[in-house]
Amino acid sequence: MENKSSKFLFWLLGIYAVLFAILAVNPIDRKTWFAENLTVWIILAVILAFYAYKIRFSKTAYAFMFVLIYLHTIGGHYTFALVPFDWFTNFFGFSRNHYDRIAHFSVGFYAFGIAEWLYMKKMVTNKFLLFTYPVFLVATIAMTYELVEWIYAAKASSVADAMAYLGSQGDVWDAQKDMLADTLGAIFATGIFFTIRNLWTKKLEK
């Protein structure tokens, strides 16, 4: 099973490499491209560091992890506010591009891997804590990331660069809504984990 998940991880990395190579050509804003991809590279470095230290996850966990990586790589090319996402905007009648909200929701998908690790290592034996800890951890990381975004924007060389990186599209509550999207994604992913493991109806293994 571990061998299958390892092969799957390298397939996901291969897809990322192709996507990155294509979208590294002529991005809309090179500074924003670098800043957004730096986030992706840090995430990939953490995943590979875990792998090097023999901390492996299931294929489902890896699939969840790479949703954000792919979405963020696309967002880096266009800037999140300018990703061609009109079909979604028009379908729901939104007044702004919500691609960044979808990406933030996918941040929460990492809660699946966190819950899986805690469960497999038997670090948590209480279902309530197993559900809430991954959600709270993602929410904390989301808050920290918004602070990093704010600091980067404050130090940007121009207002245009700052706004391209933030992608707030004029919404003064953008940071709070992003954090909410992250948290809702974490609740969704942890719920999927509990459903797959049937933890709603049975006790954790001792």
N, C-alpha and C. Protein backbone atom coordinates (compact mmCIF):
# COMPACT_ATOMS: atom_id res chain seq x y z
N MET A 1 0.83 -1.20 0.00
CA MET A 1 0.00 0.00 0.00
C MET A 1 0.87 1.26 0.00
N GLU A 2 1.96 1.21 0.84
CA GLU A 2 2.86 2.35 0.89
C GLU A 2 3.54 2.56 -0.45
N ASN A 3 3.89 1.46 -1.14
CA ASN A 3 4.53 1.56 -2.44
C ASN A 3 3.60 2.21 -3.46
N LYS A 4 2.30 1.86 -3.38
CA LYS A 4 1.32 2.44 -4.30
C LYS A 4 1.17 3.94 -4.06
N SER A 5 1.12 4.33 -2.79
CA SER A 5 0.98 5.76 -2.48
C SER A 5 2.23 6.53 -2.90
N SER A 6 3.41 5.88 -2.81
CA SER A 6 4.65 6.53 -3.23
C SER A 6 4.65 6.76 -4.73
N LYS A 7 4.23 5.76 -5.49
CA LYS A 7 4.14 5.92 -6.94
C LYS A 7 3.13 7.01 -7.31
N PHE A 8 2.03 7.04 -6.59
CA PHE A 8 1.00 8.04 -6.85
C PHE A 8 1.55 9.44 -6.58
N LEU A 9 2.33 9.58 -5.49
CA LEU A 9 2.94 10.87 -5.17
C LEU A 9 3.83 11.33 -6.31
N PHE A 10 4.63 10.44 -6.88
CA PHE A 10 5.53 10.84 -7.95
C PHE A 10 4.78 11.16 -9.25
N TRP A 11 3.64 10.51 -9.46
CA TRP A 11 2.79 10.89 -10.58
C TRP A 11 2.26 12.32 -10.38
N LEU A 12 1.82 12.62 -9.18
CA LEU A 12 1.33 13.97 -8.88
C LEU A 12 2.44 15.00 -9.05
N LEU A 13 3.64 14.66 -8.65
CA LEU A 13 4.78 15.56 -8.82
C LEU A 13 5.10 15.77 -10.29
N GLY A 14 4.96 14.69 -11.09
CA GLY A 14 5.19 14.80 -12.52
C GLY A 14 4.20 15.74 -13.19
N ILE A 15 2.94 15.62 -12.79
CA ILE A 15 1.90 16.51 -13.33
C ILE A 15 2.22 17.95 -12.95
N TYR A 16 2.64 18.15 -11.70
CA TYR A 16 3.00 19.50 -11.26
C TYR A 16 4.14 20.05 -12.09
N ALA A 17 5.16 19.23 -12.35
CA ALA A 17 6.33 19.69 -13.12
C ALA A 17 5.91 20.18 -14.50
N VAL A 18 5.01 19.44 -15.14
CA VAL A 18 4.52 19.84 -16.47
C VAL A 18 3.74 21.14 -16.38
N LEU A 19 2.84 21.20 -15.39
CA LEU A 19 2.01 22.41 -15.20
C LEU A 19 2.88 23.62 -14.91
N PHE A 20 3.86 23.43 -14.05
CA PHE A 20 4.76 24.53 -13.71
C PHE A 20 5.54 25.01 -14.92
N ALA A 21 6.07 24.08 -15.72
CA ALA A 21 6.87 24.44 -16.89
C ALA A 21 6.05 25.27 -17.88
N ILE A 22 4.79 24.88 -18.06
CA ILE A 22 3.92 25.60 -19.00
C ILE A 22 3.59 26.99 -18.48
N LEU A 23 3.23 27.06 -17.20
CA LEU A 23 2.76 28.33 -16.63
C LEU A 23 3.89 29.26 -16.18
N ALA A 24 5.13 28.78 -16.25
CA ALA A 24 6.27 29.65 -15.93
C ALA A 24 6.59 30.58 -17.10
N VAL A 25 6.00 30.30 -18.26
CA VAL A 25 6.26 31.11 -19.46
C VAL A 25 5.30 32.29 -19.50
N ASN A 26 5.88 33.49 -19.55
CA ASN A 26 5.13 34.74 -19.70
C ASN A 26 3.95 34.88 -18.73
N PRO A 27 4.19 34.82 -17.44
CA PRO A 27 3.10 35.09 -16.50
C PRO A 27 2.68 36.55 -16.60
N ILE A 28 1.49 36.86 -16.12
CA ILE A 28 0.99 38.23 -16.21
C ILE A 28 1.86 39.19 -15.42
N ASP A 29 2.33 38.76 -14.25
CA ASP A 29 3.19 39.60 -13.42
C ASP A 29 4.26 38.72 -12.80
N ARG A 30 5.52 38.91 -13.21
CA ARG A 30 6.59 38.01 -12.78
C ARG A 30 6.83 38.06 -11.27
N LYS A 31 6.73 39.25 -10.67
CA LYS A 31 6.93 39.35 -9.23
C LYS A 31 5.87 38.56 -8.48
N THR A 32 4.63 38.71 -8.91
CA THR A 32 3.53 37.97 -8.27
C THR A 32 3.70 36.49 -8.51
N TRP A 33 4.11 36.12 -9.71
CA TRP A 33 4.35 34.71 -10.04
C TRP A 33 5.35 34.10 -9.08
N PHE A 34 6.45 34.82 -8.84
CA PHE A 34 7.48 34.29 -7.95
C PHE A 34 6.95 34.16 -6.52
N ALA A 35 6.26 35.19 -6.05
CA ALA A 35 5.75 35.18 -4.68
C ALA A 35 4.74 34.04 -4.47
N GLU A 36 3.85 33.85 -5.44
CA GLU A 36 2.84 32.80 -5.31
C GLU A 36 3.47 31.41 -5.42
N ASN A 37 4.44 31.27 -6.30
CA ASN A 37 5.09 29.96 -6.46
C ASN A 37 6.02 29.64 -5.29
N LEU A 38 6.50 30.66 -4.62
CA LEU A 38 7.33 30.42 -3.43
C LEU A 38 6.52 29.64 -2.39
N THR A 39 5.25 29.99 -2.25
CA THR A 39 4.36 29.26 -1.34
C THR A 39 4.26 27.80 -1.74
N VAL A 40 4.12 27.55 -3.03
CA VAL A 40 4.02 26.18 -3.53
C VAL A 40 5.30 25.41 -3.25
N TRP A 41 6.44 26.05 -3.49
CA TRP A 41 7.72 25.36 -3.28
C TRP A 41 7.93 25.00 -1.81
N ILE A 42 7.47 25.86 -0.92
CA ILE A 42 7.58 25.56 0.51
C ILE A 42 6.72 24.36 0.87
N ILE A 43 5.50 24.32 0.33
CA ILE A 43 4.60 23.19 0.59
C ILE A 43 5.21 21.90 0.06
N LEU A 44 5.73 21.95 -1.17
CA LEU A 44 6.35 20.76 -1.75
C LEU A 44 7.57 20.30 -0.94
N ALA A 45 8.34 21.26 -0.46
CA ALA A 45 9.52 20.92 0.34
C ALA A 45 9.11 20.19 1.62
N VAL A 46 8.01 20.64 2.23
CA VAL A 46 7.53 19.99 3.46
C VAL A 46 7.05 18.57 3.16
N ILE A 47 6.28 18.41 2.07
CA ILE A 47 5.78 17.08 1.69
C ILE A 47 6.94 16.13 1.43
N LEU A 48 7.94 16.60 0.68
CA LEU A 48 9.10 15.75 0.35
C LEU A 48 9.98 15.48 1.59
N ALA A 49 10.03 16.45 2.50
CA ALA A 49 10.78 16.23 3.74
C ALA A 49 10.10 15.13 4.56
N PHE A 50 8.78 15.17 4.65
CA PHE A 50 8.05 14.11 5.33
C PHE A 50 8.33 12.76 4.68
N TYR A 51 8.33 12.76 3.34
CA TYR A 51 8.58 11.51 2.62
C TYR A 51 9.98 10.99 2.91
N ALA A 52 10.96 11.90 2.94
CA ALA A 52 12.35 11.50 3.20
C ALA A 52 12.50 10.90 4.60
N TYR A 53 11.69 11.40 5.53
CA TYR A 53 11.74 10.88 6.90
C TYR A 53 10.73 9.75 7.11
N LYS A 54 10.30 9.17 5.97
CA LYS A 54 9.41 8.00 5.98
C LYS A 54 8.06 8.27 6.64
N ILE A 55 7.60 9.51 6.53
CA ILE A 55 6.23 9.84 6.94
C ILE A 55 5.40 9.87 5.67
N ARG A 56 4.68 8.80 5.43
CA ARG A 56 3.94 8.65 4.18
C ARG A 56 2.44 8.78 4.43
N PHE A 57 1.73 9.22 3.41
CA PHE A 57 0.30 9.39 3.50
C PHE A 57 -0.39 8.51 2.46
N SER A 58 -1.70 8.41 2.58
CA SER A 58 -2.47 7.62 1.62
C SER A 58 -2.59 8.36 0.30
N LYS A 59 -3.03 7.65 -0.73
CA LYS A 59 -3.24 8.26 -2.04
C LYS A 59 -4.29 9.37 -1.95
N THR A 60 -5.32 9.14 -1.14
CA THR A 60 -6.37 10.15 -0.98
C THR A 60 -5.81 11.41 -0.36
N ALA A 61 -4.97 11.26 0.67
CA ALA A 61 -4.36 12.43 1.33
C ALA A 61 -3.49 13.20 0.36
N TYR A 62 -2.68 12.48 -0.42
CA TYR A 62 -1.82 13.16 -1.40
C TYR A 62 -2.65 13.87 -2.47
N ALA A 63 -3.72 13.24 -2.90
CA ALA A 63 -4.59 13.87 -3.90
C ALA A 63 -5.17 15.17 -3.37
N PHE A 64 -5.61 15.15 -2.12
CA PHE A 64 -6.12 16.36 -1.49
C PHE A 64 -5.04 17.44 -1.43
N MET A 65 -3.83 17.06 -1.06
CA MET A 65 -2.74 18.02 -0.92
C MET A 65 -2.43 18.74 -2.24
N PHE A 66 -2.48 18.00 -3.34
CA PHE A 66 -2.05 18.57 -4.61
C PHE A 66 -3.12 19.43 -5.29
N VAL A 67 -4.33 19.41 -4.77
CA VAL A 67 -5.35 20.31 -5.32
C VAL A 67 -4.89 21.76 -5.16
N LEU A 68 -4.47 22.11 -3.96
CA LEU A 68 -3.98 23.48 -3.71
C LEU A 68 -2.74 23.78 -4.53
N ILE A 69 -1.83 22.82 -4.63
CA ILE A 69 -0.59 23.04 -5.38
C ILE A 69 -0.89 23.39 -6.83
N TYR A 70 -1.80 22.65 -7.44
CA TYR A 70 -2.16 22.93 -8.84
C TYR A 70 -2.90 24.27 -8.97
N LEU A 71 -3.86 24.51 -8.09
CA LEU A 71 -4.63 25.76 -8.16
C LEU A 71 -3.73 26.97 -7.92
N HIS A 72 -2.79 26.84 -6.99
CA HIS A 72 -1.89 27.95 -6.67
C HIS A 72 -0.93 28.22 -7.82
N THR A 73 -0.51 27.17 -8.50
CA THR A 73 0.39 27.34 -9.64
C THR A 73 -0.31 28.08 -10.78
N ILE A 74 -1.57 27.73 -10.99
CA ILE A 74 -2.37 28.44 -12.01
C ILE A 74 -2.57 29.89 -11.60
N GLY A 75 -2.91 30.11 -10.32
CA GLY A 75 -3.11 31.46 -9.81
C GLY A 75 -1.86 32.31 -9.91
N GLY A 76 -0.70 31.69 -9.75
CA GLY A 76 0.54 32.43 -9.87
C GLY A 76 0.79 32.96 -11.28
N HIS A 77 0.36 32.20 -12.26
CA HIS A 77 0.55 32.62 -13.66
C HIS A 77 -0.33 33.82 -14.01
N TYR A 78 -1.60 33.74 -13.63
CA TYR A 78 -2.55 34.78 -14.02
C TYR A 78 -2.68 35.92 -13.00
N THR A 79 -2.26 35.68 -11.76
CA THR A 79 -2.66 36.38 -10.53
C THR A 79 -4.08 35.90 -10.25
N PHE A 80 -4.39 35.71 -8.98
CA PHE A 80 -5.65 35.06 -8.61
C PHE A 80 -6.88 35.84 -9.08
N ALA A 81 -6.78 37.16 -9.11
CA ALA A 81 -7.93 37.97 -9.50
C ALA A 81 -8.23 37.86 -10.99
N LEU A 82 -7.23 37.44 -11.79
CA LEU A 82 -7.39 37.43 -13.24
C LEU A 82 -7.44 36.05 -13.87
N VAL A 83 -7.49 35.00 -13.05
CA VAL A 83 -7.63 33.64 -13.60
C VAL A 83 -8.93 33.55 -14.39
N PRO A 84 -8.89 33.01 -15.62
CA PRO A 84 -10.13 32.87 -16.42
C PRO A 84 -11.13 31.95 -15.70
N PHE A 85 -12.05 32.55 -15.01
CA PHE A 85 -13.01 31.79 -14.19
C PHE A 85 -14.41 32.35 -14.37
N ASP A 86 -14.64 32.93 -15.56
CA ASP A 86 -15.91 33.61 -15.82
C ASP A 86 -17.11 32.68 -15.76
N TRP A 87 -16.92 31.43 -16.20
CA TRP A 87 -18.04 30.49 -16.21
C TRP A 87 -18.59 30.28 -14.80
N PHE A 88 -17.71 30.25 -13.83
CA PHE A 88 -18.13 30.06 -12.43
C PHE A 88 -18.80 31.34 -11.92
N THR A 89 -18.18 32.48 -12.23
CA THR A 89 -18.73 33.76 -11.80
C THR A 89 -20.12 33.99 -12.39
N ASN A 90 -20.26 33.71 -13.67
CA ASN A 90 -21.54 33.93 -14.35
C ASN A 90 -22.61 32.93 -13.90
N PHE A 91 -22.20 31.69 -13.67
CA PHE A 91 -23.16 30.66 -13.26
C PHE A 91 -23.84 31.01 -11.94
N PHE A 92 -23.04 31.53 -11.00
CA PHE A 92 -23.59 31.86 -9.68
C PHE A 92 -23.98 33.32 -9.55
N GLY A 93 -23.72 34.12 -10.61
CA GLY A 93 -24.10 35.52 -10.58
C GLY A 93 -23.24 36.36 -9.64
N PHE A 94 -21.98 35.95 -9.46
CA PHE A 94 -21.09 36.71 -8.58
C PHE A 94 -20.63 37.99 -9.27
N SER A 95 -20.23 38.96 -8.47
CA SER A 95 -19.74 40.22 -9.02
C SER A 95 -18.21 40.26 -9.08
N ARG A 96 -17.55 39.24 -8.52
CA ARG A 96 -16.09 39.19 -8.52
C ARG A 96 -15.62 37.77 -8.83
N ASN A 97 -14.35 37.66 -9.15
CA ASN A 97 -13.74 36.37 -9.44
C ASN A 97 -13.46 35.64 -8.12
N HIS A 98 -14.08 34.47 -7.95
CA HIS A 98 -13.93 33.72 -6.71
C HIS A 98 -12.94 32.57 -6.82
N TYR A 99 -12.06 32.62 -7.80
CA TYR A 99 -11.06 31.56 -7.93
C TYR A 99 -10.21 31.46 -6.67
N ASP A 100 -9.87 32.62 -6.10
CA ASP A 100 -9.05 32.61 -4.89
C ASP A 100 -9.78 31.95 -3.73
N ARG A 101 -11.10 32.09 -3.66
CA ARG A 101 -11.87 31.45 -2.60
C ARG A 101 -11.81 29.92 -2.74
N ILE A 102 -11.89 29.44 -3.98
CA ILE A 102 -11.80 28.00 -4.22
C ILE A 102 -10.42 27.50 -3.77
N ALA A 103 -9.39 28.25 -4.10
CA ALA A 103 -8.03 27.87 -3.71
C ALA A 103 -7.90 27.85 -2.19
N HIS A 104 -8.46 28.86 -1.53
CA HIS A 104 -8.40 28.89 -0.07
C HIS A 104 -9.19 27.72 0.54
N PHE A 105 -10.30 27.37 -0.05
CA PHE A 105 -11.06 26.21 0.44
C PHE A 105 -10.20 24.95 0.37
N SER A 106 -9.39 24.85 -0.70
CA SER A 106 -8.54 23.66 -0.86
C SER A 106 -7.38 23.64 0.13
N VAL A 107 -7.05 24.79 0.73
CA VAL A 107 -6.04 24.80 1.79
C VAL A 107 -6.49 23.87 2.91
N GLY A 108 -7.79 23.90 3.18
CA GLY A 108 -8.35 23.07 4.24
C GLY A 108 -8.21 21.58 3.99
N PHE A 109 -7.96 21.19 2.75
CA PHE A 109 -7.85 19.77 2.43
C PHE A 109 -6.66 19.11 3.14
N TYR A 110 -5.70 19.93 3.58
CA TYR A 110 -4.56 19.36 4.31
C TYR A 110 -4.97 18.79 5.66
N ALA A 111 -6.15 19.15 6.12
CA ALA A 111 -6.66 18.60 7.38
C ALA A 111 -6.83 17.09 7.27
N PHE A 112 -7.11 16.60 6.06
CA PHE A 112 -7.25 15.15 5.85
C PHE A 112 -5.95 14.45 6.22
N GLY A 113 -4.82 14.94 5.70
CA GLY A 113 -3.53 14.34 5.99
C GLY A 113 -3.16 14.43 7.46
N ILE A 114 -3.50 15.56 8.08
CA ILE A 114 -3.20 15.74 9.50
C ILE A 114 -3.98 14.73 10.33
N ALA A 115 -5.29 14.60 10.04
CA ALA A 115 -6.12 13.64 10.76
C ALA A 115 -5.64 12.21 10.53
N GLU A 116 -5.25 11.91 9.30
CA GLU A 116 -4.77 10.57 8.97
C GLU A 116 -3.51 10.24 9.77
N TRP A 117 -2.59 11.18 9.86
CA TRP A 117 -1.34 10.95 10.58
C TRP A 117 -1.60 10.74 12.08
N LEU A 118 -2.45 11.59 12.65
CA LEU A 118 -2.79 11.46 14.07
C LEU A 118 -3.46 10.12 14.35
N TYR A 119 -4.30 9.69 13.42
CA TYR A 119 -5.03 8.44 13.59
C TYR A 119 -4.10 7.23 13.47
N MET A 120 -3.26 7.22 12.43
CA MET A 120 -2.40 6.08 12.19
C MET A 120 -1.33 5.94 13.28
N LYS A 121 -0.87 7.07 13.80
CA LYS A 121 0.14 7.03 14.86
C LYS A 121 -0.48 6.86 16.24
N LYS A 122 -1.82 6.82 16.28
CA LYS A 122 -2.56 6.68 17.55
C LYS A 122 -2.17 7.77 18.55
N MET A 123 -1.95 8.98 18.01
CA MET A 123 -1.59 10.11 18.86
C MET A 123 -2.81 10.73 19.52
N VAL A 124 -3.98 10.46 18.95
CA VAL A 124 -5.23 10.98 19.50
C VAL A 124 -6.21 9.83 19.62
N THR A 125 -6.81 9.67 20.78
CA THR A 125 -7.76 8.57 20.99
C THR A 125 -9.16 9.09 21.27
N ASN A 126 -9.37 10.36 21.03
CA ASN A 126 -10.67 11.00 21.26
C ASN A 126 -11.19 11.53 19.93
N LYS A 127 -12.38 11.11 19.54
CA LYS A 127 -12.91 11.50 18.23
C LYS A 127 -13.10 13.00 18.11
N PHE A 128 -13.53 13.64 19.18
CA PHE A 128 -13.75 15.08 19.13
C PHE A 128 -12.44 15.81 18.84
N LEU A 129 -11.37 15.42 19.53
CA LEU A 129 -10.07 16.05 19.31
C LEU A 129 -9.49 15.70 17.94
N LEU A 130 -9.73 14.48 17.50
CA LEU A 130 -9.24 14.08 16.18
C LEU A 130 -9.90 14.89 15.08
N PHE A 131 -11.14 15.27 15.31
CA PHE A 131 -11.84 16.09 14.31
C PHE A 131 -11.44 17.56 14.42
N THR A 132 -11.38 18.08 15.64
CA THR A 132 -11.17 19.52 15.80
C THR A 132 -9.72 19.95 15.66
N TYR A 133 -8.76 19.11 16.06
CA TYR A 133 -7.36 19.52 16.00
C TYR A 133 -6.92 19.87 14.58
N PRO A 134 -7.18 19.01 13.57
CA PRO A 134 -6.78 19.38 12.20
C PRO A 134 -7.44 20.67 11.73
N VAL A 135 -8.71 20.88 12.11
CA VAL A 135 -9.43 22.09 11.71
C VAL A 135 -8.79 23.32 12.34
N PHE A 136 -8.51 23.26 13.64
CA PHE A 136 -7.90 24.41 14.33
C PHE A 136 -6.48 24.67 13.82
N LEU A 137 -5.75 23.61 13.50
CA LEU A 137 -4.39 23.79 12.99
C LEU A 137 -4.42 24.50 11.63
N VAL A 138 -5.31 24.07 10.76
CA VAL A 138 -5.44 24.73 9.45
C VAL A 138 -5.86 26.18 9.62
N ALA A 139 -6.80 26.43 10.52
CA ALA A 139 -7.26 27.80 10.76
C ALA A 139 -6.12 28.68 11.26
N THR A 140 -5.27 28.13 12.11
CA THR A 140 -4.12 28.88 12.63
C THR A 140 -3.12 29.19 11.52
N ILE A 141 -2.85 28.20 10.68
CA ILE A 141 -1.94 28.40 9.55
C ILE A 141 -2.52 29.44 8.59
N ALA A 142 -3.84 29.39 8.38
CA ALA A 142 -4.51 30.35 7.50
C ALA A 142 -4.36 31.77 8.03
N MET A 143 -4.53 31.93 9.34
CA MET A 143 -4.37 33.26 9.94
C MET A 143 -2.93 33.75 9.77
N THR A 144 -1.97 32.86 9.99
CA THR A 144 -0.56 33.22 9.86
C THR A 144 -0.24 33.63 8.43
N TYR A 145 -0.79 32.89 7.45
CA TYR A 145 -0.54 33.20 6.05
C TYR A 145 -1.11 34.57 5.68
N GLU A 146 -2.28 34.91 6.22
CA GLU A 146 -2.87 36.22 5.93
C GLU A 146 -1.99 37.33 6.49
N LEU A 147 -1.35 37.10 7.64
CA LEU A 147 -0.43 38.08 8.19
C LEU A 147 0.81 38.24 7.30
N VAL A 148 1.30 37.10 6.78
CA VAL A 148 2.44 37.14 5.87
C VAL A 148 2.07 37.92 4.61
N GLU A 149 0.87 37.67 4.08
CA GLU A 149 0.40 38.41 2.90
C GLU A 149 0.36 39.91 3.17
N TRP A 150 -0.15 40.26 4.35
CA TRP A 150 -0.25 41.67 4.73
C TRP A 150 1.12 42.32 4.80
N ILE A 151 2.09 41.63 5.42
CA ILE A 151 3.45 42.16 5.54
C ILE A 151 4.08 42.33 4.16
N TYR A 152 3.89 41.31 3.28
CA TYR A 152 4.45 41.38 1.92
C TYR A 152 3.85 42.56 1.16
N ALA A 153 2.52 42.70 1.27
CA ALA A 153 1.84 43.78 0.55
C ALA A 153 2.29 45.14 1.07
N ALA A 154 2.49 45.24 2.40
CA ALA A 154 2.91 46.51 2.98
C ALA A 154 4.31 46.91 2.52
N LYS A 155 5.14 45.92 2.21
CA LYS A 155 6.52 46.19 1.80
C LYS A 155 6.70 46.18 0.28
N ALA A 156 5.61 45.94 -0.46
CA ALA A 156 5.70 45.89 -1.92
C ALA A 156 6.14 47.24 -2.48
N SER A 157 6.80 47.19 -3.62
CA SER A 157 7.36 48.41 -4.21
C SER A 157 6.29 49.34 -4.78
N SER A 158 5.11 48.79 -5.06
CA SER A 158 4.03 49.62 -5.60
C SER A 158 2.68 49.08 -5.15
N VAL A 159 1.68 49.93 -5.21
CA VAL A 159 0.32 49.53 -4.85
C VAL A 159 -0.17 48.44 -5.79
N ALA A 160 0.19 48.54 -7.05
CA ALA A 160 -0.25 47.55 -8.05
C ALA A 160 0.30 46.17 -7.71
N ASP A 161 1.58 46.11 -7.32
CA ASP A 161 2.19 44.82 -6.95
C ASP A 161 1.50 44.24 -5.72
N ALA A 162 1.20 45.10 -4.76
CA ALA A 162 0.55 44.65 -3.53
C ALA A 162 -0.83 44.09 -3.82
N MET A 163 -1.60 44.79 -4.64
CA MET A 163 -2.96 44.36 -4.94
C MET A 163 -2.97 43.10 -5.79
N ALA A 164 -1.99 42.97 -6.68
CA ALA A 164 -1.91 41.76 -7.52
C ALA A 164 -1.64 40.54 -6.65
N TYR A 165 -0.79 40.71 -5.63
CA TYR A 165 -0.47 39.60 -4.75
C TYR A 165 -1.64 39.26 -3.83
N LEU A 166 -2.28 40.27 -3.27
CA LEU A 166 -3.39 40.03 -2.35
C LEU A 166 -4.62 39.48 -3.06
N GLY A 167 -4.91 40.00 -4.23
CA GLY A 167 -6.08 39.55 -4.98
C GLY A 167 -7.38 39.83 -4.26
N SER A 168 -7.41 40.89 -3.46
CA SER A 168 -8.60 41.18 -2.66
C SER A 168 -9.75 41.75 -3.48
N GLN A 169 -9.44 42.29 -4.64
CA GLN A 169 -10.44 42.83 -5.56
C GLN A 169 -11.36 43.86 -4.88
N GLY A 170 -10.76 44.66 -4.01
CA GLY A 170 -11.50 45.74 -3.38
C GLY A 170 -12.32 45.35 -2.17
N ASP A 171 -12.26 44.10 -1.76
CA ASP A 171 -13.05 43.63 -0.62
C ASP A 171 -12.25 43.83 0.67
N VAL A 172 -12.73 44.71 1.56
CA VAL A 172 -12.01 45.01 2.79
C VAL A 172 -12.03 43.83 3.77
N TRP A 173 -12.96 42.89 3.56
CA TRP A 173 -13.07 41.71 4.41
C TRP A 173 -12.48 40.48 3.74
N ASP A 174 -11.64 40.70 2.75
CA ASP A 174 -11.10 39.57 1.98
C ASP A 174 -10.30 38.59 2.85
N ALA A 175 -9.46 39.10 3.74
CA ALA A 175 -8.64 38.23 4.58
C ALA A 175 -9.51 37.35 5.47
N GLN A 176 -10.55 37.94 6.06
CA GLN A 176 -11.44 37.18 6.94
C GLN A 176 -12.20 36.11 6.16
N LYS A 177 -12.63 36.44 4.96
CA LYS A 177 -13.36 35.48 4.12
C LYS A 177 -12.43 34.36 3.66
N ASP A 178 -11.18 34.71 3.38
CA ASP A 178 -10.20 33.68 3.00
C ASP A 178 -9.99 32.69 4.14
N MET A 179 -9.86 33.21 5.36
CA MET A 179 -9.66 32.34 6.52
C MET A 179 -10.88 31.46 6.75
N LEU A 180 -12.07 32.01 6.52
CA LEU A 180 -13.29 31.22 6.65
C LEU A 180 -13.30 30.09 5.62
N ALA A 181 -12.89 30.41 4.38
CA ALA A 181 -12.85 29.39 3.33
C ALA A 181 -11.86 28.28 3.69
N ASP A 182 -10.70 28.66 4.23
CA ASP A 182 -9.71 27.67 4.68
C ASP A 182 -10.32 26.73 5.73
N THR A 183 -11.00 27.34 6.69
CA THR A 183 -11.57 26.57 7.80
C THR A 183 -12.70 25.66 7.33
N LEU A 184 -13.55 26.16 6.45
CA LEU A 184 -14.64 25.33 5.91
C LEU A 184 -14.07 24.15 5.11
N GLY A 185 -12.98 24.41 4.38
CA GLY A 185 -12.34 23.33 3.64
C GLY A 185 -11.79 22.27 4.58
N ALA A 186 -11.26 22.71 5.72
CA ALA A 186 -10.73 21.77 6.71
C ALA A 186 -11.85 20.93 7.32
N ILE A 187 -12.98 21.55 7.60
CA ILE A 187 -14.12 20.81 8.14
C ILE A 187 -14.60 19.78 7.13
N PHE A 188 -14.65 20.18 5.86
CA PHE A 188 -15.06 19.26 4.79
C PHE A 188 -14.10 18.09 4.69
N ALA A 189 -12.79 18.36 4.65
CA ALA A 189 -11.79 17.30 4.48
C ALA A 189 -11.76 16.35 5.68
N THR A 190 -11.87 16.90 6.89
CA THR A 190 -11.88 16.04 8.07
C THR A 190 -13.14 15.20 8.11
N GLY A 191 -14.25 15.78 7.65
CA GLY A 191 -15.49 15.01 7.55
C GLY A 191 -15.35 13.84 6.58
N ILE A 192 -14.66 14.09 5.46
CA ILE A 192 -14.40 13.00 4.50
C ILE A 192 -13.55 11.92 5.14
N PHE A 193 -12.53 12.32 5.91
CA PHE A 193 -11.67 11.35 6.57
C PHE A 193 -12.48 10.49 7.54
N PHE A 194 -13.32 11.12 8.33
CA PHE A 194 -14.13 10.38 9.29
C PHE A 194 -15.08 9.42 8.57
N THR A 195 -15.62 9.86 7.45
CA THR A 195 -16.54 9.01 6.69
C THR A 195 -15.82 7.80 6.12
N ILE A 196 -14.64 8.02 5.55
CA ILE A 196 -13.86 6.92 4.97
C ILE A 196 -13.47 5.91 6.05
N ARG A 197 -13.08 6.43 7.21
CA ARG A 197 -12.63 5.57 8.30
C ARG A 197 -13.79 5.05 9.15
N ASN A 198 -15.00 5.46 8.84
CA ASN A 198 -16.19 5.05 9.60
C ASN A 198 -16.08 5.41 11.08
N LEU A 199 -15.46 6.55 11.34
CA LEU A 199 -15.25 6.93 12.73
C LEU A 199 -16.48 7.58 13.36
N TRP A 200 -17.49 7.83 12.53
CA TRP A 200 -18.73 8.38 13.10
C TRP A 200 -19.42 7.32 13.95
N THR A 201 -19.27 6.06 13.59
CA THR A 201 -20.06 5.00 14.23
C THR A 201 -19.26 4.01 15.04
N LYS A 202 -17.93 4.13 15.03
CA LYS A 202 -17.13 3.18 15.81
C LYS A 202 -16.08 3.91 16.61
N LYS A 203 -15.61 3.25 17.64
CA LYS A 203 -14.59 3.83 18.49
C LYS A 203 -13.23 3.76 17.79
N LEU A 204 -12.34 4.69 18.17
CA LEU A 204 -10.98 4.63 17.63
C LEU A 204 -10.31 3.36 18.10
N GLU A 205 -9.46 2.81 17.22
CA GLU A 205 -8.73 1.60 17.60
C GLU A 205 -7.77 1.91 18.74
N LYS A 206 -7.71 1.01 19.70
CA LYS A 206 -6.84 1.20 20.86
C LYS A 206 -5.42 0.82 20.49
